[in-house]
Protein backbone atom coordinates (compact mmCIF):
# COMPACT_ATOMS: atom_id res chain seq x y z
CA MET A 1 113.33 83.37 116.29
CA PRO A 2 113.90 80.00 114.64
CA GLY A 3 113.35 76.91 116.72
CA VAL A 4 111.01 78.60 119.21
CA THR A 5 107.83 76.64 119.89
CA ASP A 6 104.35 78.16 119.66
CA ALA A 7 103.95 77.80 123.44
CA ALA A 8 107.25 79.60 124.04
CA LEU A 9 106.24 82.46 121.72
CA GLN A 10 102.88 82.71 123.49
CA ALA A 11 104.61 82.93 126.89
CA LEU A 12 107.11 85.48 125.56
CA PHE A 13 104.50 87.83 124.08
CA ALA A 14 101.62 87.40 126.57
CA PRO A 15 102.89 89.99 129.10
CA TYR A 16 102.96 92.63 126.35
CA CYS A 17 99.72 91.64 124.63
CA GLY A 18 96.94 91.16 127.17
CA GLY A 19 98.16 88.07 128.98
CA VAL A 20 96.12 84.90 129.11
CA SER A 21 92.81 86.79 128.85
CA ARG A 22 93.46 87.24 125.11
CA GLY A 23 95.21 83.92 124.51
CA GLY A 24 93.18 82.94 121.45
CA GLU A 25 93.75 86.26 119.71
CA LEU A 26 97.44 86.13 120.62
CA THR A 27 97.78 82.63 119.14
CA GLU A 28 96.22 83.80 115.85
CA ALA A 29 98.40 86.93 115.75
CA LEU A 30 101.57 84.92 116.38
CA GLN A 31 100.65 82.58 113.52
CA ILE A 32 100.35 85.62 111.24
CA LEU A 33 103.64 86.98 112.61
CA GLN A 34 105.37 83.75 111.65
CA ARG A 35 103.87 83.92 108.12
CA GLY A 36 105.45 87.33 107.60
CA GLU A 37 102.52 89.02 105.88
CA LEU A 38 98.94 90.18 106.19
CA TRP A 39 96.71 91.05 103.24
CA GLY A 40 93.85 93.35 104.15
CA ARG A 41 91.54 96.12 103.06
CA ARG A 42 91.18 99.56 104.62
CA PRO A 43 87.56 100.68 104.29
CA VAL A 44 86.93 104.07 102.71
CA GLN A 45 83.41 105.47 102.75
CA GLY A 46 81.79 105.38 99.34
CA THR A 47 84.38 102.98 97.84
CA ASP A 48 85.51 99.36 98.09
CA GLY A 49 88.41 100.59 100.21
CA HIS A 50 92.13 100.12 99.65
CA ARG A 51 93.75 96.70 99.56
CA PHE A 52 97.07 96.52 101.37
CA GLN A 53 99.84 94.05 102.02
CA LEU A 54 101.76 94.40 105.27
CA THR A 55 105.00 92.39 105.32
CA TRP A 56 107.93 91.94 107.70
CA THR A 57 110.93 89.67 107.89
CA GLY A 58 111.68 87.32 110.71
CA VAL A 59 110.18 87.06 114.15
CA ALA A 60 111.86 89.27 116.74
CA ALA A 61 111.56 89.29 120.53
CA PRO A 62 108.76 91.53 121.86
CA GLN A 63 111.03 94.48 122.71
CA GLU A 64 113.09 94.28 119.51
CA SER A 65 112.38 96.36 116.42
CA ILE A 66 111.00 94.68 113.35
CA ARG A 67 111.23 96.15 109.82
CA CYS A 68 107.92 96.31 107.99
CA GLU A 69 106.61 97.40 104.61
CA ILE A 70 103.07 98.30 103.68
CA ARG A 71 102.09 98.26 100.03
CA PHE A 72 98.89 99.44 98.36
CA PRO A 73 98.52 97.76 94.95
CA SER A 74 96.11 100.42 93.64
CA ARG A 75 97.85 103.38 95.32
CA PRO A 76 101.64 102.88 95.19
CA GLU A 77 102.22 106.46 96.36
CA GLY A 78 101.15 105.22 99.82
CA ASN A 79 103.79 102.47 99.98
CA THR A 80 105.86 102.88 103.13
CA ASN A 81 108.69 101.20 105.06
CA PHE A 82 108.87 101.48 108.83
CA SER A 83 110.14 99.90 112.05
CA LEU A 84 108.34 99.31 115.31
CA LEU A 85 108.59 97.14 118.40
CA THR A 86 107.48 93.61 117.62
CA HIS A 87 104.98 93.44 120.48
CA GLN A 88 103.17 96.49 119.04
CA LEU A 89 102.83 94.75 115.67
CA VAL A 90 101.48 91.65 117.42
CA ALA A 91 98.98 93.76 119.39
CA TRP A 92 97.71 95.36 116.19
CA LEU A 93 97.44 91.94 114.54
CA MET A 94 95.39 90.81 117.55
CA ASP A 95 93.07 93.80 117.13
CA ARG A 96 92.51 93.39 113.40
CA SER A 97 88.90 93.43 112.25
CA ALA A 98 86.95 90.63 110.65
CA ARG A 99 89.33 87.86 111.67
CA SER A 100 87.23 85.38 109.68
CA GLU A 101 87.36 87.49 106.52
CA PRO A 102 90.10 87.08 103.90
CA GLU A 103 90.91 90.83 103.98
CA PRO A 104 90.79 92.16 107.54
CA ASP A 105 91.52 95.75 108.47
CA LEU A 106 94.07 96.82 111.04
CA PRO A 107 92.81 98.93 113.96
CA ASN A 108 92.55 102.72 113.76
CA GLY A 109 95.49 102.99 116.17
CA PHE A 110 97.77 101.43 113.56
CA TRP A 111 96.69 103.86 110.84
CA GLU A 112 96.98 106.87 113.16
CA TRP A 113 100.48 105.77 114.16
CA LEU A 114 101.49 105.06 110.55
CA TRP A 115 100.33 108.36 109.03
CA ILE A 116 100.62 110.76 111.98
CA GLU A 117 102.72 109.63 114.94
CA ARG A 118 105.67 107.57 113.74
CA GLY A 119 108.99 109.29 113.41
CA ASP A 120 111.46 106.64 112.26
CA ALA A 121 110.11 105.65 108.88
CA THR A 122 111.10 106.29 105.33
CA SER A 123 108.53 106.46 102.57
CA SER A 124 108.82 105.24 99.04
CA ALA A 125 106.37 105.68 96.22
């Protein structure tokens, strides 16, 4: 959505993402959305976890689908492409862990959706 101001994006997504009560988290998530990527680490008990890179192209309206890719540098067999509604991606970005850390994790709801619930995706290894 080129040419849309930060305030306009905030107003557009707020009804789908917790309204004004989560305004700070929404602002941070929309900044990540505009960057087009999130590097993170999924914790795994007994290990350092798995680094991942979640990417997407463009910024779509909240009810529009956005194409995403998730890549695992140390486990390429887990690399996956998928689509979802943009407001859902923003909500998961809002709920990421360790916002002050360089490699946050996405919430369990994202991982459950990605590996169990989604039905529109194609995988690539």
